[in-house]
């Protein structure tokens, strides 16, 4: 079984803050991103998978993701 390694992924953006009270995150990106069902966040130098329930653009370089 192959383990998940950071070199197998590309950095798409940065979580800058939470948004609201229902679990949304504001993510800033400087590249064109197509969000899928899953995203990996780097937390304490480890990749952690998260299911994306919904995503919408806040403006040209920001996303609100739940």
C-alpha atoms as a PDB file:
ATOM      1  CA  UNK A   1       0.000   0.000   0.000  1.00  0.00           C
ATOM      2  CA  UNK A   2       1.336   3.416  -0.997  1.00  0.00           C
ATOM      3  CA  UNK A   3       1.385   6.145   1.643  1.00  0.00           C
ATOM      4  CA  UNK A   4       0.318   9.716   0.942  1.00  0.00           C
ATOM      5  CA  UNK A   5       3.280  11.988   0.341  1.00  0.00           C
ATOM      6  CA  UNK A   6       3.381  15.747  -0.029  1.00  0.00           C
ATOM      7  CA  UNK A   7       5.368  15.486  -3.280  1.00  0.00           C
ATOM      8  CA  UNK A   8       2.341  13.788  -4.914  1.00  0.00           C
ATOM      9  CA  UNK A   9       0.218  16.952  -4.500  1.00  0.00           C
ATOM     10  CA  UNK A  10       0.293  20.560  -5.603  1.00  0.00           C
ATOM     11  CA  UNK A  11      -0.451  23.457  -3.297  1.00  0.00           C
ATOM     12  CA  UNK A  12      -3.666  25.132  -4.453  1.00  0.00           C
ATOM     13  CA  UNK A  13      -4.236  27.743  -1.766  1.00  0.00           C
ATOM     14  CA  UNK A  14      -4.139  28.770   1.850  1.00  0.00           C
ATOM     15  CA  UNK A  15      -6.869  28.633   4.485  1.00  0.00           C
ATOM     16  CA  UNK A  16      -6.977  32.189   5.830  1.00  0.00           C
ATOM     17  CA  UNK A  17      -9.850  31.993   8.316  1.00  0.00           C
ATOM     18  CA  UNK A  18     -13.141  30.426   9.213  1.00  0.00           C
ATOM     19  CA  UNK A  19     -16.329  31.914   7.797  1.00  0.00           C
ATOM     20  CA  UNK A  20     -19.573  31.931   9.754  1.00  0.00           C
ATOM     21  CA  UNK A  21     -20.572  29.313  12.291  1.00  0.00           C
ATOM     22  CA  UNK A  22     -21.395  26.294  10.109  1.00  0.00           C
ATOM     23  CA  UNK A  23     -17.916  25.006   9.267  1.00  0.00           C
ATOM     24  CA  UNK A  24     -17.016  27.100   6.216  1.00  0.00           C
ATOM     25  CA  UNK A  25     -13.410  28.035   5.505  1.00  0.00           C
ATOM     26  CA  UNK A  26     -12.150  30.962   3.443  1.00  0.00           C
ATOM     27  CA  UNK A  27      -9.383  29.815   1.102  1.00  0.00           C
ATOM     28  CA  UNK A  28      -7.189  32.164  -0.946  1.00  0.00           C
ATOM     29  CA  UNK A  29      -5.576  30.919  -4.154  1.00  0.00           C
ATOM     30  CA  UNK A  30      -3.499  32.574  -6.854  1.00  0.00           C
ATOM     31  CA  UNK A  31      -4.054  29.844  -9.454  1.00  0.00           C
ATOM     32  CA  UNK A  32      -7.165  28.639 -11.258  1.00  0.00           C
ATOM     33  CA  UNK A  33      -8.544  25.787  -9.157  1.00  0.00           C
ATOM     34  CA  UNK A  34     -11.155  23.153  -9.930  1.00  0.00           C
ATOM     35  CA  UNK A  35     -12.380  21.807  -6.613  1.00  0.00           C
ATOM     36  CA  UNK A  36     -13.370  18.167  -6.413  1.00  0.00           C
ATOM     37  CA  UNK A  37     -15.058  16.109  -3.703  1.00  0.00           C
ATOM     38  CA  UNK A  38     -11.872  15.809  -1.660  1.00  0.00           C
ATOM     39  CA  UNK A  39      -9.084  18.102  -0.584  1.00  0.00           C
ATOM     40  CA  UNK A  40      -6.063  17.507   1.573  1.00  0.00           C
ATOM     41  CA  UNK A  41      -5.072  20.102   4.154  1.00  0.00           C
ATOM     42  CA  UNK A  42      -1.612  20.133   5.627  1.00  0.00           C
ATOM     43  CA  UNK A  43      -2.004  20.160   9.401  1.00  0.00           C
ATOM     44  CA  UNK A  44       1.115  19.968  11.559  1.00  0.00           C
ATOM     45  CA  UNK A  45       3.141  18.779   8.553  1.00  0.00           C
ATOM     46  CA  UNK A  46       0.724  15.911   7.764  1.00  0.00           C
ATOM     47  CA  UNK A  47      -1.781  15.661   4.920  1.00  0.00           C
ATOM     48  CA  UNK A  48      -5.331  15.222   6.209  1.00  0.00           C
ATOM     49  CA  UNK A  49      -8.195  14.418   3.776  1.00  0.00           C
ATOM     50  CA  UNK A  50     -11.448  16.393   3.953  1.00  0.00           C
ATOM     51  CA  UNK A  51     -14.701  15.893   2.069  1.00  0.00           C
ATOM     52  CA  UNK A  52     -15.910  19.067   0.314  1.00  0.00           C
ATOM     53  CA  UNK A  53     -19.647  19.432   0.823  1.00  0.00           C
ATOM     54  CA  UNK A  54     -19.928  22.653  -1.172  1.00  0.00           C
ATOM     55  CA  UNK A  55     -17.714  25.390  -2.588  1.00  0.00           C
ATOM     56  CA  UNK A  56     -18.380  28.811  -4.028  1.00  0.00           C
ATOM     57  CA  UNK A  57     -16.218  31.678  -5.143  1.00  0.00           C
ATOM     58  CA  UNK A  58     -16.201  34.701  -2.854  1.00  0.00           C
ATOM     59  CA  UNK A  59     -14.280  36.790  -5.421  1.00  0.00           C
ATOM     60  CA  UNK A  60     -11.615  36.172  -8.065  1.00  0.00           C
ATOM     61  CA  UNK A  61      -9.025  34.681  -5.665  1.00  0.00           C
ATOM     62  CA  UNK A  62     -11.114  33.493  -2.691  1.00  0.00           C
ATOM     63  CA  UNK A  63     -13.317  30.442  -2.135  1.00  0.00           C
ATOM     64  CA  UNK A  64     -15.777  29.621   0.636  1.00  0.00           C
ATOM     65  CA  UNK A  65     -15.587  25.870   1.229  1.00  0.00           C
ATOM     66  CA  UNK A  66     -17.644  23.658   3.530  1.00  0.00           C
END
